[in-house]
Amino acid sequence: MLTPLSGAVDTTLINVAGAVVGLGSIVLALSWWRYLAR
């Protein structure tokens, strides 16, 4: 019924989740580096 729309929403959610995971990993890496460097 709304297959194309749901497909687009799924793709958007996957992209957003990937961006959140990427930013989270960067933040964790920076905080770990600062913890080691102090």
PDB file of N, CA and C in Angstrom:
ATOM      1  N   MET A   1       0.849  -1.204   0.000  1.00  0.00           N
ATOM      2  CA  MET A   1       0.000   0.000   0.000  1.00  0.00           C
ATOM      3  C   MET A   1       0.880   1.248   0.000  1.00  0.00           C
ATOM      4  N   LEU A   2       1.802   1.334   0.966  1.00  0.00           N
ATOM      5  CA  LEU A   2       2.723   2.476   1.022  1.00  0.00           C
ATOM      6  C   LEU A   2       4.163   1.977   0.951  1.00  0.00           C
ATOM      7  N   THR A   3       4.385   1.015   0.080  1.00  0.00           N
ATOM      8  CA  THR A   3       5.706   0.389   0.019  1.00  0.00           C
ATOM      9  C   THR A   3       6.816   1.368  -0.350  1.00  0.00           C
ATOM     10  N   PRO A   4       6.659   2.196  -1.405  1.00  0.00           N
ATOM     11  CA  PRO A   4       7.758   3.130  -1.731  1.00  0.00           C
ATOM     12  C   PRO A   4       8.030   4.107  -0.592  1.00  0.00           C
ATOM     13  N   LEU A   5       6.959   4.602   0.034  1.00  0.00           N
ATOM     14  CA  LEU A   5       7.133   5.567   1.121  1.00  0.00           C
ATOM     15  C   LEU A   5       7.842   4.916   2.303  1.00  0.00           C
ATOM     16  N   SER A   6       7.393   3.714   2.674  1.00  0.00           N
ATOM     17  CA  SER A   6       8.032   3.036   3.804  1.00  0.00           C
ATOM     18  C   SER A   6       9.474   2.700   3.470  1.00  0.00           C
ATOM     19  N   GLY A   7       9.761   2.371   2.214  1.00  0.00           N
ATOM     20  CA  GLY A   7      11.138   2.097   1.808  1.00  0.00           C
ATOM     21  C   GLY A   7      12.001   3.330   1.964  1.00  0.00           C
ATOM     22  N   ALA A   8      11.465   4.491   1.579  1.00  0.00           N
ATOM     23  CA  ALA A   8      12.223   5.733   1.718  1.00  0.00           C
ATOM     24  C   ALA A   8      12.444   6.051   3.196  1.00  0.00           C
ATOM     25  N   VAL A   9      11.432   5.816   4.009  1.00  0.00           N
ATOM     26  CA  VAL A   9      11.567   6.070   5.450  1.00  0.00           C
ATOM     27  C   VAL A   9      12.611   5.137   6.040  1.00  0.00           C
ATOM     28  N   ASP A  10      12.586   3.856   5.623  1.00  0.00           N
ATOM     29  CA  ASP A  10      13.585   2.911   6.128  1.00  0.00           C
ATOM     30  C   ASP A  10      14.985   3.367   5.742  1.00  0.00           C
ATOM     31  N   THR A  11      15.159   3.799   4.497  1.00  0.00           N
ATOM     32  CA  THR A  11      16.478   4.255   4.050  1.00  0.00           C
ATOM     33  C   THR A  11      16.925   5.472   4.858  1.00  0.00           C
ATOM     34  N   THR A  12      15.995   6.401   5.103  1.00  0.00           N
ATOM     35  CA  THR A  12      16.342   7.593   5.877  1.00  0.00           C
ATOM     36  C   THR A  12      16.730   7.219   7.304  1.00  0.00           C
ATOM     37  N   LEU A  13      15.965   6.305   7.905  1.00  0.00           N
ATOM     38  CA  LEU A  13      16.285   5.888   9.273  1.00  0.00           C
ATOM     39  C   LEU A  13      17.637   5.204   9.331  1.00  0.00           C
ATOM     40  N   ILE A  14      17.944   4.385   8.309  1.00  0.00           N
ATOM     41  CA  ILE A  14      19.246   3.711   8.278  1.00  0.00           C
ATOM     42  C   ILE A  14      20.360   4.743   8.159  1.00  0.00           C
ATOM     43  N   ASN A  15      20.163   5.762   7.302  1.00  0.00           N
ATOM     44  CA  ASN A  15      21.187   6.797   7.136  1.00  0.00           C
ATOM     45  C   ASN A  15      21.360   7.591   8.428  1.00  0.00           C
ATOM     46  N   VAL A  16      20.253   7.937   9.079  1.00  0.00           N
ATOM     47  CA  VAL A  16      20.327   8.693  10.332  1.00  0.00           C
ATOM     48  C   VAL A  16      21.011   7.857  11.409  1.00  0.00           C
ATOM     49  N   ALA A  17      20.654   6.573  11.481  1.00  0.00           N
ATOM     50  CA  ALA A  17      21.276   5.702  12.480  1.00  0.00           C
ATOM     51  C   ALA A  17      22.778   5.588  12.218  1.00  0.00           C
ATOM     52  N   GLY A  18      23.159   5.477  10.950  1.00  0.00           N
ATOM     53  CA  GLY A  18      24.579   5.396  10.611  1.00  0.00           C
ATOM     54  C   GLY A  18      25.313   6.667  11.007  1.00  0.00           C
ATOM     55  N   ALA A  19      24.678   7.822  10.775  1.00  0.00           N
ATOM     56  CA  ALA A  19      25.310   9.088  11.136  1.00  0.00           C
ATOM     57  C   ALA A  19      25.449   9.198  12.651  1.00  0.00           C
ATOM     58  N   VAL A  20      24.419   8.777  13.381  1.00  0.00           N
ATOM     59  CA  VAL A  20      24.472   8.843  14.847  1.00  0.00           C
ATOM     60  C   VAL A  20      25.572   7.930  15.378  1.00  0.00           C
ATOM     61  N   VAL A  21      25.669   6.723  14.814  1.00  0.00           N
ATOM     62  CA  VAL A  21      26.711   5.787  15.254  1.00  0.00           C
ATOM     63  C   VAL A  21      28.091   6.353  14.939  1.00  0.00           C
ATOM     64  N   GLY A  22      28.239   6.971  13.751  1.00  0.00           N
ATOM     65  CA  GLY A  22      29.530   7.550  13.380  1.00  0.00           C
ATOM     66  C   GLY A  22      29.917   8.683  14.319  1.00  0.00           C
ATOM     67  N   LEU A  23      28.965   9.580  14.592  1.00  0.00           N
ATOM     68  CA  LEU A  23      29.266  10.692  15.498  1.00  0.00           C
ATOM     69  C   LEU A  23      29.548  10.184  16.906  1.00  0.00           C
ATOM     70  N   GLY A  24      28.781   9.186  17.341  1.00  0.00           N
ATOM     71  CA  GLY A  24      29.000   8.630  18.673  1.00  0.00           C
ATOM     72  C   GLY A  24      30.379   8.005  18.797  1.00  0.00           C
ATOM     73  N   SER A  25      30.806   7.298  17.747  1.00  0.00           N
ATOM     74  CA  SER A  25      32.136   6.674  17.796  1.00  0.00           C
ATOM     75  C   SER A  25      33.227   7.737  17.808  1.00  0.00           C
ATOM     76  N   ILE A  26      33.014   8.835  17.068  1.00  0.00           N
ATOM     77  CA  ILE A  26      33.997   9.925  17.071  1.00  0.00           C
ATOM     78  C   ILE A  26      34.074  10.557  18.461  1.00  0.00           C
ATOM     79  N   VAL A  27      32.923  10.792  19.071  1.00  0.00           N
ATOM     80  CA  VAL A  27      32.906  11.393  20.411  1.00  0.00           C
ATOM     81  C   VAL A  27      33.582  10.467  21.418  1.00  0.00           C
ATOM     82  N   LEU A  28      33.294   9.168  21.316  1.00  0.00           N
ATOM     83  CA  LEU A  28      33.927   8.215  22.233  1.00  0.00           C
ATOM     84  C   LEU A  28      35.431   8.183  22.027  1.00  0.00           C
ATOM     85  N   ALA A  29      35.871   8.225  20.766  1.00  0.00           N
ATOM     86  CA  ALA A  29      37.306   8.196  20.485  1.00  0.00           C
ATOM     87  C   ALA A  29      37.982   9.444  21.046  1.00  0.00           C
ATOM     88  N   LEU A  30      37.344  10.610  20.870  1.00  0.00           N
ATOM     89  CA  LEU A  30      37.935  11.851  21.385  1.00  0.00           C
ATOM     90  C   LEU A  30      37.989  11.846  22.911  1.00  0.00           C
ATOM     91  N   SER A  31      36.913  11.394  23.550  1.00  0.00           N
ATOM     92  CA  SER A  31      36.904  11.375  25.016  1.00  0.00           C
ATOM     93  C   SER A  31      37.931  10.375  25.544  1.00  0.00           C
ATOM     94  N   TRP A  32      38.087   9.229  24.866  1.00  0.00           N
ATOM     95  CA  TRP A  32      39.089   8.230  25.277  1.00  0.00           C
ATOM     96  C   TRP A  32      40.492   8.791  25.102  1.00  0.00           C
ATOM     97  N   TRP A  33      40.713   9.515  23.980  1.00  0.00           N
ATOM     98  CA  TRP A  33      42.031  10.109  23.737  1.00  0.00           C
ATOM     99  C   TRP A  33      42.360  11.147  24.804  1.00  0.00           C
ATOM    100  N   ARG A  34      41.375  11.992  25.153  1.00  0.00           N
ATOM    101  CA  ARG A  34      41.613  12.997  26.190  1.00  0.00           C
ATOM    102  C   ARG A  34      41.843  12.322  27.537  1.00  0.00           C
ATOM    103  N   TYR A  35      41.148  11.213  27.799  1.00  0.00           N
ATOM    104  CA  TYR A  35      41.353  10.484  29.051  1.00  0.00           C
ATOM    105  C   TYR A  35      42.766   9.916  29.109  1.00  0.00           C
ATOM    106  N   LEU A  36      43.263   9.410  27.981  1.00  0.00           N
ATOM    107  CA  LEU A  36      44.618   8.859  27.960  1.00  0.00           C
ATOM    108  C   LEU A  36      45.668   9.964  28.009  1.00  0.00           C
ATOM    109  N   ALA A  37      45.365  11.131  27.422  1.00  0.00           N
ATOM    110  CA  ALA A  37      46.381  12.173  27.254  1.00  0.00           C
ATOM    111  C   ALA A  37      46.546  13.032  28.510  1.00  0.00           C
ATOM    112  N   ARG A  38      45.610  12.942  29.449  1.00  0.00           N
ATOM    113  CA  ARG A  38      45.733  13.826  30.605  1.00  0.00           C
ATOM    114  C   ARG A  38      46.799  13.356  31.570  1.00  0.00           C
TER     115      ARG A  38
END
